[in-house]
Amino acid sequence: MATHDAEGRKLNRREFFQWAVWAAGGIFGLIVAIPLVGYILAPFFRTPPEEWVRVCSLDEINSLTPTEFRIAFKREDAPQSYEDVRGVFVIRKGREILAFTNVCTHMGCSTRWLDWRQQILCPCHGGLYDRWGQLMGGPPAHSLPFYVSKIEGNDLYVANRYVFRV
């Protein structure tokens, strides 16, 4: 049985073993690389289970200025479980209650409400948002995203996921 290359030329023993070693190395490389790539990329595709956290009672919500509350989600998808503490701005807009993150969409800095300016400011790069989290200026490209929220009884709850505005 003769072994031929892609051009139909007969391979000698040395060429055949070189080809076999390269093929075995490639197969071994794939066997190692595919699980390694999956391990590295898995956190980007894993979503934590939905969790609801109480933010405040409806009596604590103002219609003129956003009030910032601290919430904590339990994270158990890491080697050691921990609490993911976040800030949430809550304000009434007509009959609607808005709950949005305090994290700037530009570089992830924590924003704060400036009462004297009647605006939300990102101190890192000067991103400006109005009282409802709508982008007004600065380097951010988007408004502050809403938390998915619900009202149960007299309490406001938010989930550990966002809804981005258009």
C-alpha atoms as a PDB file:
ATOM      1  CA  MET A   1       0.000   0.000   0.000  1.00  0.00           C
ATOM      2  CA  ALA A   2       1.556   3.251  -1.141  1.00  0.00           C
ATOM      3  CA  THR A   3       0.973   6.571   0.599  1.00  0.00           C
ATOM      4  CA  HIS A   4       0.671   9.644  -1.611  1.00  0.00           C
ATOM      5  CA  ASP A   5       0.567  13.359  -0.834  1.00  0.00           C
ATOM      6  CA  ALA A   6      -2.076  15.800  -2.100  1.00  0.00           C
ATOM      7  CA  GLU A   7      -0.305  16.154  -5.472  1.00  0.00           C
ATOM      8  CA  GLY A   8      -0.244  12.407  -6.033  1.00  0.00           C
ATOM      9  CA  ARG A   9       3.496  12.139  -5.310  1.00  0.00           C
ATOM     10  CA  LYS A  10       4.604   9.052  -3.362  1.00  0.00           C
ATOM     11  CA  LEU A  11       5.778   9.869   0.185  1.00  0.00           C
ATOM     12  CA  ASN A  12       8.936   8.351   1.591  1.00  0.00           C
ATOM     13  CA  ARG A  13       9.060   7.110   5.159  1.00  0.00           C
ATOM     14  CA  ARG A  14      10.456  10.371   6.618  1.00  0.00           C
ATOM     15  CA  GLU A  15       7.800  12.533   4.947  1.00  0.00           C
ATOM     16  CA  PHE A  16       5.061  10.162   6.059  1.00  0.00           C
ATOM     17  CA  PHE A  17       6.149  10.336   9.722  1.00  0.00           C
ATOM     18  CA  GLN A  18       6.502  14.127   9.560  1.00  0.00           C
ATOM     19  CA  TRP A  19       2.953  14.333   8.236  1.00  0.00           C
ATOM     20  CA  ALA A  20       1.718  11.908  10.920  1.00  0.00           C
ATOM     21  CA  VAL A  21       3.415  13.870  13.727  1.00  0.00           C
ATOM     22  CA  TRP A  22       1.928  17.162  12.483  1.00  0.00           C
ATOM     23  CA  ALA A  23      -1.546  15.582  12.223  1.00  0.00           C
ATOM     24  CA  ALA A  24      -1.291  14.051  15.717  1.00  0.00           C
ATOM     25  CA  GLY A  25      -0.063  17.386  17.128  1.00  0.00           C
ATOM     26  CA  GLY A  26      -2.984  19.213  15.523  1.00  0.00           C
ATOM     27  CA  ILE A  27      -5.509  16.739  16.879  1.00  0.00           C
ATOM     28  CA  PHE A  28      -3.943  16.900  20.356  1.00  0.00           C
ATOM     29  CA  GLY A  29      -3.947  20.713  20.170  1.00  0.00           C
ATOM     30  CA  LEU A  30      -7.657  20.745  19.362  1.00  0.00           C
ATOM     31  CA  ILE A  31      -8.386  18.298  22.180  1.00  0.00           C
ATOM     32  CA  VAL A  32      -6.665  20.670  24.621  1.00  0.00           C
ATOM     33  CA  ALA A  33      -7.770  23.997  23.088  1.00  0.00           C
ATOM     34  CA  ILE A  34     -11.523  23.449  22.792  1.00  0.00           C
ATOM     35  CA  PRO A  35     -12.192  22.852  26.523  1.00  0.00           C
ATOM     36  CA  LEU A  36      -9.739  25.629  27.430  1.00  0.00           C
ATOM     37  CA  VAL A  37     -11.545  28.155  25.212  1.00  0.00           C
ATOM     38  CA  GLY A  38     -14.881  26.997  26.647  1.00  0.00           C
ATOM     39  CA  TYR A  39     -13.567  27.471  30.195  1.00  0.00           C
ATOM     40  CA  ILE A  40     -12.335  30.992  29.416  1.00  0.00           C
ATOM     41  CA  LEU A  41     -15.507  32.105  27.596  1.00  0.00           C
ATOM     42  CA  ALA A  42     -18.098  30.444  29.893  1.00  0.00           C
ATOM     43  CA  PRO A  43     -18.449  33.394  32.323  1.00  0.00           C
ATOM     44  CA  PHE A  44     -19.442  35.679  29.447  1.00  0.00           C
ATOM     45  CA  PHE A  45     -22.384  33.446  28.517  1.00  0.00           C
ATOM     46  CA  ARG A  46     -23.498  32.409  32.008  1.00  0.00           C
ATOM     47  CA  THR A  47     -26.362  34.411  33.461  1.00  0.00           C
ATOM     48  CA  PRO A  48     -27.069  34.311  37.170  1.00  0.00           C
ATOM     49  CA  PRO A  49     -30.534  33.131  38.218  1.00  0.00           C
ATOM     50  CA  GLU A  50     -33.100  35.886  38.557  1.00  0.00           C
ATOM     51  CA  GLU A  51     -33.218  37.319  42.072  1.00  0.00           C
ATOM     52  CA  TRP A  52     -35.580  39.956  43.464  1.00  0.00           C
ATOM     53  CA  VAL A  53     -34.521  42.353  46.226  1.00  0.00           C
ATOM     54  CA  ARG A  54     -36.622  44.833  48.188  1.00  0.00           C
ATOM     55  CA  VAL A  55     -35.517  48.429  47.591  1.00  0.00           C
ATOM     56  CA  CYS A  56     -37.902  50.569  49.635  1.00  0.00           C
ATOM     57  CA  SER A  57     -41.503  51.243  50.520  1.00  0.00           C
ATOM     58  CA  LEU A  58     -43.570  53.348  48.140  1.00  0.00           C
ATOM     59  CA  ASP A  59     -43.830  56.055  50.827  1.00  0.00           C
ATOM     60  CA  GLU A  60     -40.059  56.697  50.570  1.00  0.00           C
ATOM     61  CA  ILE A  61     -40.184  57.587  46.867  1.00  0.00           C
ATOM     62  CA  ASN A  62     -40.031  61.267  45.920  1.00  0.00           C
ATOM     63  CA  SER A  63     -41.399  62.801  42.722  1.00  0.00           C
ATOM     64  CA  LEU A  64     -38.983  65.748  42.600  1.00  0.00           C
ATOM     65  CA  THR A  65     -35.573  64.245  43.270  1.00  0.00           C
ATOM     66  CA  PRO A  66     -34.237  60.715  42.804  1.00  0.00           C
ATOM     67  CA  THR A  67     -33.464  58.927  46.044  1.00  0.00           C
ATOM     68  CA  GLU A  68     -30.504  56.564  46.086  1.00  0.00           C
ATOM     69  CA  PHE A  69     -30.847  53.222  47.861  1.00  0.00           C
ATOM     70  CA  ARG A  70     -28.297  50.454  48.413  1.00  0.00           C
ATOM     71  CA  ILE A  71     -29.284  46.908  47.499  1.00  0.00           C
ATOM     72  CA  ALA A  72     -27.392  43.618  47.657  1.00  0.00           C
ATOM     73  CA  PHE A  73     -27.776  40.588  45.420  1.00  0.00           C
ATOM     74  CA  LYS A  74     -26.437  37.219  46.572  1.00  0.00           C
ATOM     75  CA  ARG A  75     -23.883  35.829  44.104  1.00  0.00           C
ATOM     76  CA  GLU A  76     -23.233  32.120  44.367  1.00  0.00           C
ATOM     77  CA  ASP A  77     -21.774  31.522  40.901  1.00  0.00           C
ATOM     78  CA  ALA A  78     -18.229  32.290  42.079  1.00  0.00           C
ATOM     79  CA  PRO A  79     -15.832  29.982  43.952  1.00  0.00           C
ATOM     80  CA  GLN A  80     -17.006  31.689  47.158  1.00  0.00           C
ATOM     81  CA  SER A  81     -20.445  33.289  47.497  1.00  0.00           C
ATOM     82  CA  TYR A  82     -20.610  37.026  48.157  1.00  0.00           C
ATOM     83  CA  GLU A  83     -23.021  39.971  48.130  1.00  0.00           C
ATOM     84  CA  ASP A  84     -23.023  42.217  45.059  1.00  0.00           C
ATOM     85  CA  VAL A  85     -23.861  45.641  46.525  1.00  0.00           C
ATOM     86  CA  ARG A  86     -25.292  48.157  44.054  1.00  0.00           C
ATOM     87  CA  GLY A  87     -26.863  51.580  44.093  1.00  0.00           C
ATOM     88  CA  VAL A  88     -30.295  52.280  42.642  1.00  0.00           C
ATOM     89  CA  PHE A  89     -31.970  55.626  42.035  1.00  0.00           C
ATOM     90  CA  VAL A  90     -35.749  55.646  42.513  1.00  0.00           C
ATOM     91  CA  ILE A  91     -38.116  58.444  41.501  1.00  0.00           C
ATOM     92  CA  ARG A  92     -41.775  58.903  40.573  1.00  0.00           C
ATOM     93  CA  LYS A  93     -42.567  60.163  37.093  1.00  0.00           C
ATOM     94  CA  GLY A  94     -46.283  60.737  36.907  1.00  0.00           C
ATOM     95  CA  ARG A  95     -47.965  57.425  37.768  1.00  0.00           C
ATOM     96  CA  GLU A  96     -44.829  55.451  36.979  1.00  0.00           C
ATOM     97  CA  ILE A  97     -41.998  54.521  39.349  1.00  0.00           C
ATOM     98  CA  LEU A  98     -38.534  54.498  37.792  1.00  0.00           C
ATOM     99  CA  ALA A  99     -35.690  52.477  39.291  1.00  0.00           C
ATOM    100  CA  PHE A 100     -32.377  52.859  37.492  1.00  0.00           C
ATOM    101  CA  THR A 101     -28.746  52.076  38.201  1.00  0.00           C
ATOM    102  CA  ASN A 102     -26.296  54.607  39.597  1.00  0.00           C
ATOM    103  CA  VAL A 103     -23.475  53.263  37.408  1.00  0.00           C
ATOM    104  CA  CYS A 104     -22.392  55.559  34.568  1.00  0.00           C
ATOM    105  CA  THR A 105     -22.644  53.991  31.115  1.00  0.00           C
ATOM    106  CA  HIS A 106     -19.303  55.499  30.057  1.00  0.00           C
ATOM    107  CA  MET A 107     -16.727  53.875  32.337  1.00  0.00           C
ATOM    108  CA  GLY A 108     -18.732  52.285  35.151  1.00  0.00           C
ATOM    109  CA  CYS A 109     -18.178  54.951  37.832  1.00  0.00           C
ATOM    110  CA  SER A 110     -20.802  55.557  40.520  1.00  0.00           C
ATOM    111  CA  THR A 111     -22.922  58.626  39.859  1.00  0.00           C
ATOM    112  CA  ARG A 112     -24.492  60.933  42.417  1.00  0.00           C
ATOM    113  CA  TRP A 113     -27.427  63.328  42.578  1.00  0.00           C
ATOM    114  CA  LEU A 114     -26.445  67.000  42.868  1.00  0.00           C
ATOM    115  CA  ASP A 115     -29.386  68.833  44.401  1.00  0.00           C
ATOM    116  CA  TRP A 116     -28.041  72.301  43.583  1.00  0.00           C
ATOM    117  CA  ARG A 117     -27.763  71.402  39.857  1.00  0.00           C
ATOM    118  CA  GLN A 118     -30.859  69.198  39.754  1.00  0.00           C
ATOM    119  CA  GLN A 119     -28.803  66.629  37.802  1.00  0.00           C
ATOM    120  CA  ILE A 120     -27.077  63.300  38.245  1.00  0.00           C
ATOM    121  CA  LEU A 121     -23.331  63.661  37.726  1.00  0.00           C
ATOM    122  CA  CYS A 122     -20.590  61.133  37.042  1.00  0.00           C
ATOM    123  CA  PRO A 123     -17.520  62.507  38.844  1.00  0.00           C
ATOM    124  CA  CYS A 124     -15.033  60.527  36.741  1.00  0.00           C
ATOM    125  CA  HIS A 125     -15.517  62.141  33.318  1.00  0.00           C
ATOM    126  CA  GLY A 126     -18.408  64.577  33.716  1.00  0.00           C
ATOM    127  CA  GLY A 127     -21.342  62.559  32.395  1.00  0.00           C
ATOM    128  CA  LEU A 128     -24.633  64.365  33.074  1.00  0.00           C
ATOM    129  CA  TYR A 129     -28.072  62.813  33.440  1.00  0.00           C
ATOM    130  CA  ASP A 130     -31.427  64.376  34.299  1.00  0.00           C
ATOM    131  CA  ARG A 131     -33.502  63.350  37.329  1.00  0.00           C
ATOM    132  CA  TRP A 132     -34.972  60.398  35.360  1.00  0.00           C
ATOM    133  CA  GLY A 133     -31.569  59.060  34.263  1.00  0.00           C
ATOM    134  CA  GLN A 134     -31.769  60.396  30.689  1.00  0.00           C
ATOM    135  CA  LEU A 135     -28.405  61.368  29.205  1.00  0.00           C
ATOM    136  CA  MET A 136     -27.912  65.140  29.002  1.00  0.00           C
ATOM    137  CA  GLY A 137     -24.235  65.477  28.118  1.00  0.00           C
ATOM    138  CA  GLY A 138     -20.662  64.355  28.523  1.00  0.00           C
ATOM    139  CA  PRO A 139     -18.876  61.301  27.176  1.00  0.00           C
ATOM    140  CA  PRO A 140     -21.474  58.571  27.992  1.00  0.00           C
ATOM    141  CA  ALA A 141     -23.313  57.279  24.939  1.00  0.00           C
ATOM    142  CA  HIS A 142     -26.453  56.015  26.722  1.00  0.00           C
ATOM    143  CA  SER A 143     -28.895  56.894  29.476  1.00  0.00           C
ATOM    144  CA  LEU A 144     -28.780  55.033  32.788  1.00  0.00           C
ATOM    145  CA  PRO A 145     -30.445  51.617  32.370  1.00  0.00           C
ATOM    146  CA  PHE A 146     -33.590  50.682  34.318  1.00  0.00           C
ATOM    147  CA  TYR A 147     -33.722  47.786  36.711  1.00  0.00           C
ATOM    148  CA  VAL A 148     -36.519  45.328  36.032  1.00  0.00           C
ATOM    149  CA  SER A 149     -38.907  46.187  38.855  1.00  0.00           C
ATOM    150  CA  LYS A 150     -42.223  45.223  40.410  1.00  0.00           C
ATOM    151  CA  ILE A 151     -44.457  46.403  43.227  1.00  0.00           C
ATOM    152  CA  GLU A 152     -45.722  43.983  45.847  1.00  0.00           C
ATOM    153  CA  GLY A 153     -47.997  45.443  48.456  1.00  0.00           C
ATOM    154  CA  ASN A 154     -46.411  48.735  49.483  1.00  0.00           C
ATOM    155  CA  ASP A 155     -42.837  47.764  48.540  1.00  0.00           C
ATOM    156  CA  LEU A 156     -40.695  48.205  45.422  1.00  0.00           C
ATOM    157  CA  TYR A 157     -38.565  45.251  44.318  1.00  0.00           C
ATOM    158  CA  VAL A 158     -35.888  45.084  41.600  1.00  0.00           C
ATOM    159  CA  ALA A 159     -34.373  42.107  39.808  1.00  0.00           C
ATOM    160  CA  ASN A 160     -30.685  41.589  39.070  1.00  0.00           C
ATOM    161  CA  ARG A 161     -31.028  42.588  35.414  1.00  0.00           C
ATOM    162  CA  TYR A 162     -31.384  45.780  33.412  1.00  0.00           C
ATOM    163  CA  VAL A 163     -33.571  47.099  30.612  1.00  0.00           C
ATOM    164  CA  PHE A 164     -31.813  49.588  28.358  1.00  0.00           C
ATOM    165  CA  ARG A 165     -33.733  52.533  26.974  1.00  0.00           C
ATOM    166  CA  VAL A 166     -33.883  53.570  23.353  1.00  0.00           C
END
